[in-house]
PDB file of N, CA and C in Angstrom:
ATOM      1  N   MET A   1      39.204  97.080  97.026  1.00  0.00           N
ATOM      2  CA  MET A   1      39.487  97.423  95.646  1.00  0.00           C
ATOM      3  C   MET A   1      40.878  98.218  95.725  1.00  0.00           C
ATOM      4  N   ALA A   2      41.809  97.847  94.874  1.00  0.00           N
ATOM      5  CA  ALA A   2      43.076  98.391  94.854  1.00  0.00           C
ATOM      6  C   ALA A   2      43.304  98.922  93.307  1.00  0.00           C
ATOM      7  N   VAL A   3      43.724 100.151  93.148  1.00  0.00           N
ATOM      8  CA  VAL A   3      44.002 100.674  91.794  1.00  0.00           C
ATOM      9  C   VAL A   3      45.515 100.982  91.684  1.00  0.00           C
ATOM     10  N   HIS A   4      46.082 100.405  90.721  1.00  0.00           N
ATOM     11  CA  HIS A   4      47.560 100.698  90.450  1.00  0.00           C
ATOM     12  C   HIS A   4      47.697 101.606  89.284  1.00  0.00           C
ATOM     13  N   ALA A   5      47.857 102.905  89.568  1.00  0.00           N
ATOM     14  CA  ALA A   5      48.087 103.973  88.472  1.00  0.00           C
ATOM     15  C   ALA A   5      48.847 105.123  89.187  1.00  0.00           C
ATOM     16  N   LYS A   6      49.458 105.933  88.504  1.00  0.00           N
ATOM     17  CA  LYS A   6      50.099 107.029  89.244  1.00  0.00           C
ATOM     18  C   LYS A   6      49.123 108.065  89.919  1.00  0.00           C
ATOM     19  N   GLY A   7      47.945 108.226  89.341  1.00  0.00           N
ATOM     20  CA  GLY A   7      47.004 108.965  89.899  1.00  0.00           C
ATOM     21  C   GLY A   7      45.614 108.330  89.838  1.00  0.00           C
ATOM     22  N   SER A   8      44.791 108.207  90.980  1.00  0.00           N
ATOM     23  CA  SER A   8      43.482 107.553  90.686  1.00  0.00           C
ATOM     24  C   SER A   8      42.646 107.932  91.923  1.00  0.00           C
ATOM     25  N   THR A   9      41.341 107.628  91.759  1.00  0.00           N
ATOM     26  CA  THR A   9      40.289 107.921  92.758  1.00  0.00           C
ATOM     27  C   THR A   9      39.210 106.855  92.622  1.00  0.00           C
ATOM     28  N   VAL A  10      38.584 106.474  93.695  1.00  0.00           N
ATOM     29  CA  VAL A  10      37.486 105.625  93.731  1.00  0.00           C
ATOM     30  C   VAL A  10      36.390 106.345  94.457  1.00  0.00           C
ATOM     31  N   LYS A  11      35.094 106.120  93.854  1.00  0.00           N
ATOM     32  CA  LYS A  11      33.982 106.844  94.436  1.00  0.00           C
ATOM     33  C   LYS A  11      32.676 106.058  94.045  1.00  0.00           C
ATOM     34  N   LYS A  12      31.562 106.360  94.741  1.00  0.00           N
ATOM     35  CA  LYS A  12      30.286 105.809  94.406  1.00  0.00           C
ATOM     36  C   LYS A  12      29.811 106.576  93.157  1.00  0.00           C
ATOM     37  N   CYS A  13      29.053 106.016  92.185  1.00  0.00           N
ATOM     38  CA  CYS A  13      28.493 106.538  91.134  1.00  0.00           C
ATOM     39  C   CYS A  13      27.425 107.493  91.445  1.00  0.00           C
ATOM     40  N   GLU A  14      27.261 108.574  90.805  1.00  0.00           N
ATOM     41  CA  GLU A  14      26.106 109.619  91.194  1.00  0.00           C
ATOM     42  C   GLU A  14      24.770 109.106  90.980  1.00  0.00           C
ATOM     43  N   ASP A  15      24.596 108.236  89.855  1.00  0.00           N
ATOM     44  CA  ASP A  15      23.293 107.663  89.350  1.00  0.00           C
ATOM     45  C   ASP A  15      22.814 106.482  89.927  1.00  0.00           C
ATOM     46  N   ASP A  16      23.672 105.534  90.457  1.00  0.00           N
ATOM     47  CA  ASP A  16      23.189 104.254  90.974  1.00  0.00           C
ATOM     48  C   ASP A  16      24.252 103.752  91.904  1.00  0.00           C
ATOM     49  N   ASP A  17      24.112 102.513  92.258  1.00  0.00           N
ATOM     50  CA  ASP A  17      25.109 101.987  93.396  1.00  0.00           C
ATOM     51  C   ASP A  17      26.330 101.397  92.718  1.00  0.00           C
ATOM     52  N   SER A  18      26.783 101.768  91.480  1.00  0.00           N
ATOM     53  CA  SER A  18      27.964 101.299  90.965  1.00  0.00           C
ATOM     54  C   SER A  18      29.123 102.021  91.527  1.00  0.00           C
ATOM     55  N   VAL A  19      30.355 101.432  91.451  1.00  0.00           N
ATOM     56  CA  VAL A  19      31.646 102.016  91.942  1.00  0.00           C
ATOM     57  C   VAL A  19      32.308 102.578  90.752  1.00  0.00           C
ATOM     58  N   ILE A  20      32.875 103.837  90.811  1.00  0.00           N
ATOM     59  CA  ILE A  20      33.565 104.504  89.813  1.00  0.00           C
ATOM     60  C   ILE A  20      34.984 104.491  90.143  1.00  0.00           C
ATOM     61  N   VAL A  21      35.943 104.115  89.224  1.00  0.00           N
ATOM     62  CA  VAL A  21      37.358 104.235  89.421  1.00  0.00           C
ATOM     63  C   VAL A  21      37.887 105.170  88.268  1.00  0.00           C
ATOM     64  N   ARG A  22      38.462 106.156  88.656  1.00  0.00           N
ATOM     65  CA  ARG A  22      39.114 107.166  87.642  1.00  0.00           C
ATOM     66  C   ARG A  22      40.704 107.187  87.833  1.00  0.00           C
ATOM     67  N   ALA A  23      41.416 106.854  86.799  1.00  0.00           N
ATOM     68  CA  ALA A  23      42.828 106.921  86.826  1.00  0.00           C
ATOM     69  C   ALA A  23      43.353 107.884  85.809  1.00  0.00           C
ATOM     70  N   TYR A  24      44.543 108.384  86.136  1.00  0.00           N
ATOM     71  CA  TYR A  24      45.097 109.433  85.234  1.00  0.00           C
ATOM     72  C   TYR A  24      46.624 109.238  85.280  1.00  0.00           C
ATOM     73  N   ASP A  25      47.229 109.710  84.197  1.00  0.00           N
ATOM     74  CA  ASP A  25      48.686 109.650  84.123  1.00  0.00           C
ATOM     75  C   ASP A  25      49.212 111.058  84.478  1.00  0.00           C
ATOM     76  N   ILE A  26      50.068 111.133  85.406  1.00  0.00           N
ATOM     77  CA  ILE A  26      50.653 112.519  85.701  1.00  0.00           C
ATOM     78  C   ILE A  26      52.181 112.525  85.362  1.00  0.00           C
ATOM     79  N   GLU A  27      52.617 111.460  84.797  1.00  0.00           N
ATOM     80  CA  GLU A  27      54.117 111.521  84.386  1.00  0.00           C
ATOM     81  C   GLU A  27      54.364 111.715  82.902  1.00  0.00           C
ATOM     82  N   GLY A  28      53.333 111.736  82.009  1.00  0.00           N
ATOM     83  CA  GLY A  28      53.461 111.855  80.676  1.00  0.00           C
ATOM     84  C   GLY A  28      53.951 110.641  79.924  1.00  0.00           C
ATOM     85  N   ARG A  29      53.634 109.409  80.534  1.00  0.00           N
ATOM     86  CA  ARG A  29      54.032 108.223  79.876  1.00  0.00           C
ATOM     87  C   ARG A  29      52.980 107.208  79.747  1.00  0.00           C
ATOM     88  N   ASP A  30      52.934 106.545  78.663  1.00  0.00           N
ATOM     89  CA  ASP A  30      51.906 105.399  78.508  1.00  0.00           C
ATOM     90  C   ASP A  30      52.148 104.364  79.579  1.00  0.00           C
ATOM     91  N   THR A  31      51.116 103.796  80.135  1.00  0.00           N
ATOM     92  CA  THR A  31      51.223 102.836  81.205  1.00  0.00           C
ATOM     93  C   THR A  31      49.886 102.013  81.191  1.00  0.00           C
ATOM     94  N   THR A  32      49.892 101.126  82.150  1.00  0.00           N
ATOM     95  CA  THR A  32      48.669 100.326  82.174  1.00  0.00           C
ATOM     96  C   THR A  32      48.050 100.519  83.710  1.00  0.00           C
ATOM     97  N   MET A  33      46.792 100.693  83.634  1.00  0.00           N
ATOM     98  CA  MET A  33      46.085 100.778  84.976  1.00  0.00           C
ATOM     99  C   MET A  33      45.538  99.465  85.261  1.00  0.00           C
ATOM    100  N   THR A  34      45.782  99.069  86.407  1.00  0.00           N
ATOM    101  CA  THR A  34      45.324  97.702  86.928  1.00  0.00           C
ATOM    102  C   THR A  34      44.479  97.924  88.228  1.00  0.00           C
ATOM    103  N   VAL A  35      43.224  97.262  88.144  1.00  0.00           N
ATOM    104  CA  VAL A  35      42.226  97.442  89.284  1.00  0.00           C
ATOM    105  C   VAL A  35      42.135  95.919  89.872  1.00  0.00           C
ATOM    106  N   ASN A  36      42.396  95.841  91.106  1.00  0.00           N
ATOM    107  CA  ASN A  36      42.216  94.420  91.808  1.00  0.00           C
ATOM    108  C   ASN A  36      40.858  94.667  92.692  1.00  0.00           C
ATOM    109  N   LEU A  37      40.004  93.917  92.485  1.00  0.00           N
ATOM    110  CA  LEU A  37      38.605  93.898  93.220  1.00  0.00           C
ATOM    111  C   LEU A  37      38.674  92.881  94.426  1.00  0.00           C
ATOM    112  N   PHE A  38      38.145  93.233  95.589  1.00  0.00           N
ATOM    113  CA  PHE A  38      38.142  92.394  96.726  1.00  0.00           C
ATOM    114  C   PHE A  38      36.675  91.906  96.865  1.00  0.00           C
ATOM    115  N   CYS A  39      35.801  92.195  95.944  1.00  0.00           N
ATOM    116  CA  CYS A  39      34.330  91.734  95.966  1.00  0.00           C
ATOM    117  C   CYS A  39      34.090  91.390  94.620  1.00  0.00           C
ATOM    118  N   PRO A  40      33.189  90.477  94.129  1.00  0.00           N
ATOM    119  CA  PRO A  40      32.844  90.200  92.841  1.00  0.00           C
ATOM    120  C   PRO A  40      31.990  91.411  92.071  1.00  0.00           C
ATOM    121  N   ALA A  41      32.528  91.531  90.838  1.00  0.00           N
ATOM    122  CA  ALA A  41      31.727  92.471  90.033  1.00  0.00           C
ATOM    123  C   ALA A  41      31.110  91.617  88.960  1.00  0.00           C
ATOM    124  N   LYS A  42      29.867  92.116  88.485  1.00  0.00           N
ATOM    125  CA  LYS A  42      29.222  91.457  87.329  1.00  0.00           C
ATOM    126  C   LYS A  42      29.493  92.182  86.013  1.00  0.00           C
ATOM    127  N   ALA A  43      29.923  93.224  86.022  1.00  0.00           N
ATOM    128  CA  ALA A  43      30.198  93.954  84.791  1.00  0.00           C
ATOM    129  C   ALA A  43      31.115  95.141  85.076  1.00  0.00           C
ATOM    130  N   ALA A  44      31.997  95.570  83.972  1.00  0.00           N
ATOM    131  CA  ALA A  44      32.696  96.739  84.061  1.00  0.00           C
ATOM    132  C   ALA A  44      32.424  97.511  82.654  1.00  0.00           C
ATOM    133  N   GLU A  45      32.293  98.871  82.757  1.00  0.00           N
ATOM    134  CA  GLU A  45      32.168  99.693  81.608  1.00  0.00           C
ATOM    135  C   GLU A  45      33.177 100.813  81.522  1.00  0.00           C
ATOM    136  N   ARG A  46      33.781 101.035  80.307  1.00  0.00           N
ATOM    137  CA  ARG A  46      34.561 102.279  80.243  1.00  0.00           C
ATOM    138  C   ARG A  46      33.627 103.349  79.769  1.00  0.00           C
ATOM    139  N   THR A  47      33.665 104.428  80.607  1.00  0.00           N
ATOM    140  CA  THR A  47      32.682 105.545  80.428  1.00  0.00           C
ATOM    141  C   THR A  47      33.532 106.901  80.144  1.00  0.00           C
ATOM    142  N   ASN A  48      32.764 107.848  79.751  1.00  0.00           N
ATOM    143  CA  ASN A  48      33.393 109.228  79.756  1.00  0.00           C
ATOM    144  C   ASN A  48      33.522 109.812  81.150  1.00  0.00           C
ATOM    145  N   ILE A  49      34.004 110.842  81.149  1.00  0.00           N
ATOM    146  CA  ILE A  49      34.304 111.486  82.466  1.00  0.00           C
ATOM    147  C   ILE A  49      33.117 111.877  83.281  1.00  0.00           C
ATOM    148  N   LEU A  50      31.931 112.070  82.577  1.00  0.00           N
ATOM    149  CA  LEU A  50      30.655 112.241  83.150  1.00  0.00           C
ATOM    150  C   LEU A  50      29.959 111.004  83.552  1.00  0.00           C
ATOM    151  N   GLU A  51      30.626 109.967  83.530  1.00  0.00           N
ATOM    152  CA  GLU A  51      30.097 108.603  83.781  1.00  0.00           C
ATOM    153  C   GLU A  51      28.922 108.170  82.966  1.00  0.00           C
ATOM    154  N   GLU A  52      28.902 108.614  81.704  1.00  0.00           N
ATOM    155  CA  GLU A  52      27.988 108.380  80.615  1.00  0.00           C
ATOM    156  C   GLU A  52      28.540 107.533  79.586  1.00  0.00           C
ATOM    157  N   GLU A  53      27.644 106.938  78.639  1.00  0.00           N
ATOM    158  CA  GLU A  53      28.025 106.364  77.320  1.00  0.00           C
ATOM    159  C   GLU A  53      28.984 105.152  77.692  1.00  0.00           C
ATOM    160  N   GLY A  54      28.506 104.327  78.514  1.00  0.00           N
ATOM    161  CA  GLY A  54      29.344 103.205  78.947  1.00  0.00           C
ATOM    162  C   GLY A  54      29.540 102.118  77.818  1.00  0.00           C
ATOM    163  N   LYS A  55      30.726 101.523  77.637  1.00  0.00           N
ATOM    164  CA  LYS A  55      31.007 100.416  76.794  1.00  0.00           C
ATOM    165  C   LYS A  55      31.633  99.299  77.622  1.00  0.00           C
ATOM    166  N   PRO A  56      31.016  98.057  77.406  1.00  0.00           N
ATOM    167  CA  PRO A  56      31.560  97.019  78.138  1.00  0.00           C
ATOM    168  C   PRO A  56      33.110  96.837  78.102  1.00  0.00           C
ATOM    169  N   TRP A  57      33.800  96.553  79.282  1.00  0.00           N
ATOM    170  CA  TRP A  57      35.200  96.264  79.329  1.00  0.00           C
ATOM    171  C   TRP A  57      35.430  94.966  80.101  1.00  0.00           C
ATOM    172  N   PRO A  58      36.195  94.106  79.475  1.00  0.00           N
ATOM    173  CA  PRO A  58      36.347  92.794  79.931  1.00  0.00           C
ATOM    174  C   PRO A  58      36.977  92.699  81.360  1.00  0.00           C
ATOM    175  N   LEU A  59      36.362  91.864  82.208  1.00  0.00           N
ATOM    176  CA  LEU A  59      36.915  91.622  83.574  1.00  0.00           C
ATOM    177  C   LEU A  59      37.696  90.375  83.529  1.00  0.00           C
ATOM    178  N   LYS A  60      38.828  90.457  84.422  1.00  0.00           N
ATOM    179  CA  LYS A  60      39.567  89.171  84.548  1.00  0.00           C
ATOM    180  C   LYS A  60      39.250  88.701  85.948  1.00  0.00           C
ATOM    181  N   LYS A  61      39.501  87.559  86.225  1.00  0.00           N
ATOM    182  CA  LYS A  61      39.210  87.042  87.585  1.00  0.00           C
ATOM    183  C   LYS A  61      39.920  88.011  88.615  1.00  0.00           C
ATOM    184  N   GLY A  62      39.162  88.613  89.371  1.00  0.00           N
ATOM    185  CA  GLY A  62      39.623  89.473  90.537  1.00  0.00           C
ATOM    186  C   GLY A  62      39.941  90.899  90.060  1.00  0.00           C
ATOM    187  N   GLY A  63      39.600  91.298  88.915  1.00  0.00           N
ATOM    188  CA  GLY A  63      39.921  92.618  88.553  1.00  0.00           C
ATOM    189  C   GLY A  63      39.920  92.829  86.993  1.00  0.00           C
ATOM    190  N   MET A  64      40.687  93.895  86.592  1.00  0.00           N
ATOM    191  CA  MET A  64      40.854  94.196  85.240  1.00  0.00           C
ATOM    192  C   MET A  64      42.101  95.109  84.890  1.00  0.00           C
ATOM    193  N   GLU A  65      42.414  95.176  83.668  1.00  0.00           N
ATOM    194  CA  GLU A  65      43.634  96.055  83.284  1.00  0.00           C
ATOM    195  C   GLU A  65      43.073  96.869  81.985  1.00  0.00           C
ATOM    196  N   MET A  66      43.726  98.113  81.871  1.00  0.00           N
ATOM    197  CA  MET A  66      43.436  98.934  80.808  1.00  0.00           C
ATOM    198  C   MET A  66      44.627  99.745  80.452  1.00  0.00           C
ATOM    199  N   PRO A  67      44.983 100.004  79.164  1.00  0.00           N
ATOM    200  CA  PRO A  67      45.988 100.860  78.805  1.00  0.00           C
ATOM    201  C   PRO A  67      45.711 102.325  79.236  1.00  0.00           C
ATOM    202  N   LEU A  68      46.601 103.140  79.707  1.00  0.00           N
ATOM    203  CA  LEU A  68      46.508 104.443  80.155  1.00  0.00           C
ATOM    204  C   LEU A  68      47.479 105.287  79.406  1.00  0.00           C
ATOM    205  N   GLY A  69      46.956 106.081  78.486  1.00  0.00           N
ATOM    206  CA  GLY A  69      47.960 106.917  77.584  1.00  0.00           C
ATOM    207  C   GLY A  69      48.594 108.072  78.425  1.00  0.00           C
ATOM    208  N   HIS A  70      49.540 108.572  77.886  1.00  0.00           N
ATOM    209  CA  HIS A  70      50.246 109.776  78.484  1.00  0.00           C
ATOM    210  C   HIS A  70      49.244 110.911  78.605  1.00  0.00           C
ATOM    211  N   HIS A  71      49.118 111.414  79.802  1.00  0.00           N
ATOM    212  CA  HIS A  71      48.251 112.489  80.260  1.00  0.00           C
ATOM    213  C   HIS A  71      46.820 112.155  80.107  1.00  0.00           C
ATOM    214  N   ALA A  72      46.460 110.884  79.969  1.00  0.00           N
ATOM    215  CA  ALA A  72      45.112 110.516  79.839  1.00  0.00           C
ATOM    216  C   ALA A  72      44.351 110.341  81.125  1.00  0.00           C
ATOM    217  N   ILE A  73      42.950 110.496  81.027  1.00  0.00           N
ATOM    218  CA  ILE A  73      42.100 110.278  82.113  1.00  0.00           C
ATOM    219  C   ILE A  73      41.207 109.089  81.630  1.00  0.00           C
ATOM    220  N   GLU A  74      40.946 107.914  82.524  1.00  0.00           N
ATOM    221  CA  GLU A  74      40.183 106.913  82.181  1.00  0.00           C
ATOM    222  C   GLU A  74      39.194 106.680  83.278  1.00  0.00           C
ATOM    223  N   THR A  75      37.966 106.365  82.920  1.00  0.00           N
ATOM    224  CA  THR A  75      36.953 106.185  83.932  1.00  0.00           C
ATOM    225  C   THR A  75      36.300 104.881  83.716  1.00  0.00           C
ATOM    226  N   ILE A  76      36.260 104.048  84.804  1.00  0.00           N
ATOM    227  CA  ILE A  76      35.586 102.716  84.608  1.00  0.00           C
ATOM    228  C   ILE A  76      34.493 102.679  85.695  1.00  0.00           C
ATOM    229  N   LYS A  77      33.367 102.072  85.360  1.00  0.00           N
ATOM    230  CA  LYS A  77      32.224 101.796  86.178  1.00  0.00           C
ATOM    231  C   LYS A  77      32.050 100.449  86.403  1.00  0.00           C
ATOM    232  N   PHE A  78      32.092 100.001  87.758  1.00  0.00           N
ATOM    233  CA  PHE A  78      32.010  98.693  88.146  1.00  0.00           C
ATOM    234  C   PHE A  78      30.617  98.395  88.679  1.00  0.00           C
ATOM    235  N   LYS A  79      29.857  97.469  88.228  1.00  0.00           N
ATOM    236  CA  LYS A  79      28.615  96.992  88.785  1.00  0.00           C
ATOM    237  C   LYS A  79      28.977  95.716  89.550  1.00  0.00           C
ATOM    238  N   LEU A  80      28.845  95.994  90.987  1.00  0.00           N
ATOM    239  CA  LEU A  80      29.243  95.054  91.869  1.00  0.00           C
ATOM    240  C   LEU A  80      28.013  93.996  92.146  1.00  0.00           C
ATOM    241  N   GLU A  81      28.490  92.722  92.435  1.00  0.00           N
ATOM    242  CA  GLU A  81      27.291  91.749  92.759  1.00  0.00           C
ATOM    243  C   GLU A  81      26.919  92.100  94.170  1.00  0.00           C
ATOM    244  N   LYS A  82      25.541  91.933  94.339  1.00  0.00           N
ATOM    245  CA  LYS A  82      24.975  92.137  95.785  1.00  0.00           C
ATOM    246  C   LYS A  82      25.068  90.929  96.686  1.00  0.00           C
TER     247      LYS A  82
END
């Protein structure tokens, strides 16, 4: 998994086997977060910072993109195929 954003982290979800990607803007500019996956994902959800209240987010082949506002923090939960 590769994340292209000025600030980011990848970790295992606290509640299940999903992977959490958190990206944040540190430059004060609107940008786009890009995530490239090296293994198939069956779903992606945009969640709050507590990894709750997920809403489906569209996956592209091999990853996804999301707008990242200035000084924003975005959290995406990936459910990977087993």
